[in-house]
Amino acid sequence: MTWSGGVPVSHVRDPANGFTGRMVTGTSHVSWTVTMEGFSFTADESGQNSLTSEVWKERNGVFFS
């Protein structure tokens, strides 16, 4: 799996649900193959479309402040 960001970090705060955090949105790409006895399956990389890929760092519960 590859992931690349490229936009500034977004800060999110939701007091109603008790969490705060930072996120970076980017694009991702997955390449994989499964091989079993007499059988192999490989993902079609050309047909992939990444709608949303995000990496988060979140604080919630007793760590929410």
Protein backbone atom coordinates (compact mmCIF):
# COMPACT_ATOMS: atom_id res chain seq x y z
CA MET A 1 0.00 0.00 0.00
CA THR A 2 1.23 3.46 -0.81
CA TRP A 3 -0.21 6.67 0.56
CA SER A 4 0.74 10.25 -0.17
CA GLY A 5 -0.50 13.37 1.54
CA GLY A 6 -0.11 16.75 0.04
CA VAL A 7 -2.54 19.04 1.75
CA PRO A 8 -2.06 20.96 5.00
CA VAL A 9 -2.99 19.31 8.29
CA SER A 10 -6.62 19.89 9.30
CA HIS A 11 -7.53 20.35 12.96
CA VAL A 12 -10.86 18.84 14.01
CA ARG A 13 -12.68 19.44 17.30
CA ASP A 14 -16.06 17.89 18.15
CA PRO A 15 -17.10 18.62 21.76
CA ALA A 16 -20.54 17.01 21.25
CA ASN A 17 -18.90 13.61 20.60
CA GLY A 18 -15.84 14.25 22.80
CA PHE A 19 -12.94 14.08 20.39
CA THR A 20 -10.29 16.31 18.86
CA GLY A 21 -7.54 15.53 16.41
CA ARG A 22 -5.54 16.26 13.31
CA MET A 23 -5.91 14.70 9.88
CA VAL A 24 -4.14 14.73 6.54
CA THR A 25 -6.03 13.81 3.38
CA GLY A 26 -4.26 12.25 0.43
CA THR A 27 -4.41 9.48 -2.14
CA SER A 28 -3.73 5.77 -1.75
CA HIS A 29 -2.96 2.76 -3.91
CA VAL A 30 -3.12 -0.92 -3.00
CA SER A 31 -1.25 -3.72 -4.77
CA TRP A 32 -1.59 -7.33 -3.61
CA THR A 33 -1.53 -10.97 -4.72
CA VAL A 34 -2.95 -14.09 -3.03
CA THR A 35 -1.54 -17.51 -3.90
CA MET A 36 -2.96 -20.83 -2.67
CA GLU A 37 -2.64 -24.40 -3.90
CA GLY A 38 -3.20 -24.16 -7.66
CA PHE A 39 -4.80 -20.72 -7.46
CA SER A 40 -3.54 -17.13 -7.70
CA PHE A 41 -5.40 -13.81 -7.63
CA THR A 42 -3.86 -10.36 -8.25
CA ALA A 43 -5.65 -7.04 -7.72
CA ASP A 44 -6.17 -4.98 -10.87
CA GLU A 45 -4.10 -1.88 -10.11
CA SER A 46 -5.34 0.01 -13.17
CA GLY A 47 -8.96 -0.06 -12.01
CA GLN A 48 -8.41 1.49 -8.58
CA ASN A 49 -9.98 4.80 -7.63
CA SER A 50 -9.19 6.30 -4.23
CA LEU A 51 -12.18 8.37 -3.08
CA THR A 52 -10.76 9.41 0.31
CA SER A 53 -7.59 8.42 2.14
CA GLU A 54 -6.90 9.97 5.52
CA VAL A 55 -4.40 9.58 8.33
CA TRP A 56 -5.62 10.69 11.77
CA LYS A 57 -4.21 11.37 15.20
CA GLU A 58 -7.13 11.56 17.61
CA ARG A 59 -7.68 12.22 21.32
CA ASN A 60 -10.92 11.25 23.03
CA GLY A 61 -12.38 10.09 26.33
CA VAL A 62 -10.21 11.08 29.31
CA PHE A 63 -7.60 12.46 26.85
CA PHE A 64 -10.04 14.93 25.29
CA SER A 65 -9.24 18.50 26.33
